[in-house]
Each structure stands twice: as structure tokens, then as C-alpha cells.
Amino acid sequence: MTFESDVARLEAIAAELDGSGQGVPLDRALELFEEGVACLRRASAELTRAESRVTQLVEQIDGTFSLKPFRNE
């Protein structure tokens, strides 16, 4: 699955669990929860991989530019 498909599936799972006021049977709710956790883990891992690839273009004192790893601080 891709990051986007994992996020879409998480949204679908949340909508089904919300159920417009109708109760979801416990067994089905647990299945959805487990699937959601798996989707969340995959999406989180993909975000971590993407963050490690992102770079920042930084202007040096002499007016040139260089790339450096992005650090979210």
C-alpha cells in the first residue's frame, strides 16, 4: 500500500467505526482497530523515510547555496 492509500483506509475505518450512531459489533470493531493500527504503522514509517530524504536549500554567506538534511526541531 502507499501512504495515500493507508491514510484513505484509516479514514474509511474511522467512518465505519463512527457508524452514524449505529453500533459496530465488537468483533468487527476489533478487526477494524487492528487493521487501522497496521495502516498507521505503515504510514508512519513512510513519513519517517520521506523526512530523511527531505533537504533544505541554504544560502551561504558568500551568496551560494548548499543542501543540508532537514531537521524538524
Protein backbone atom coordinates (compact mmCIF):
# COMPACT_ATOMS: atom_id res chain seq x y z
CA MET A 1 0.00 0.00 0.00
CA THR A 2 1.03 3.59 -0.49
CA PHE A 3 0.98 6.32 2.13
CA GLU A 4 -2.08 7.84 0.47
CA SER A 5 -3.97 4.54 0.39
CA ASP A 6 -3.13 3.89 4.05
CA VAL A 7 -4.47 7.32 5.01
CA ALA A 8 -7.60 6.77 2.91
CA ARG A 9 -8.15 3.39 4.55
CA LEU A 10 -7.69 4.93 8.01
CA GLU A 11 -10.36 7.49 7.16
CA ALA A 12 -12.70 4.73 5.97
CA ILE A 13 -12.09 2.74 9.14
CA ALA A 14 -12.80 5.77 11.30
CA ALA A 15 -16.04 6.42 9.38
CA GLU A 16 -17.15 2.81 9.77
CA LEU A 17 -16.37 2.82 13.48
CA ASP A 18 -18.24 6.10 13.85
CA GLY A 19 -21.14 4.46 12.04
CA SER A 20 -23.51 7.42 12.13
CA GLY A 21 -24.73 6.39 15.56
CA GLN A 22 -25.17 2.71 14.72
CA GLY A 23 -23.16 0.30 16.81
CA VAL A 24 -20.42 -1.80 15.22
CA PRO A 25 -20.26 -5.36 16.55
CA LEU A 26 -17.30 -5.88 18.87
CA ASP A 27 -15.61 -8.47 16.66
CA ARG A 28 -15.80 -6.15 13.64
CA ALA A 29 -14.61 -3.18 15.71
CA LEU A 30 -11.55 -5.15 16.84
CA GLU A 31 -10.78 -6.19 13.26
CA LEU A 32 -11.01 -2.59 12.14
CA PHE A 33 -8.87 -1.43 15.04
CA GLU A 34 -6.14 -3.95 14.21
CA GLU A 35 -6.23 -3.02 10.53
CA GLY A 36 -6.07 0.66 11.46
CA VAL A 37 -3.02 0.11 13.65
CA ALA A 38 -1.27 -1.68 10.77
CA CYS A 39 -2.14 1.15 8.35
CA LEU A 40 -0.95 3.74 10.87
CA ARG A 41 2.37 1.96 11.37
CA ARG A 42 2.99 1.73 7.62
CA ALA A 43 2.06 5.39 7.09
CA SER A 44 4.25 6.49 9.98
CA ALA A 45 7.22 4.50 8.64
CA GLU A 46 6.72 6.05 5.20
CA LEU A 47 6.69 9.55 6.71
CA THR A 48 9.91 8.79 8.56
CA ARG A 49 11.53 7.62 5.31
CA ALA A 50 10.32 10.74 3.50
CA GLU A 51 11.61 13.06 6.23
CA SER A 52 15.05 11.50 5.94
CA ARG A 53 15.07 12.32 2.22
CA VAL A 54 13.96 15.93 2.52
CA THR A 55 16.69 18.51 2.23
CA GLN A 56 16.80 22.25 2.73
CA LEU A 57 18.38 24.69 0.33
CA VAL A 58 20.50 27.01 2.49
CA GLU A 59 22.09 30.25 1.35
CA GLN A 60 25.72 30.58 2.40
CA ILE A 61 27.39 33.84 3.45
CA ASP A 62 29.07 34.13 0.05
CA GLY A 63 25.70 34.01 -1.73
CA THR A 64 25.97 30.42 -2.93
CA PHE A 65 23.52 27.73 -1.97
CA SER A 66 24.04 24.30 -0.47
CA LEU A 67 21.82 21.43 0.53
CA LYS A 68 21.65 20.14 4.06
CA PRO A 69 19.46 17.48 5.67
CA PHE A 70 16.15 18.73 7.01
CA ARG A 71 15.86 18.58 10.78
CA ASN A 72 12.45 19.13 12.33
CA GLU A 73 13.29 20.76 15.66
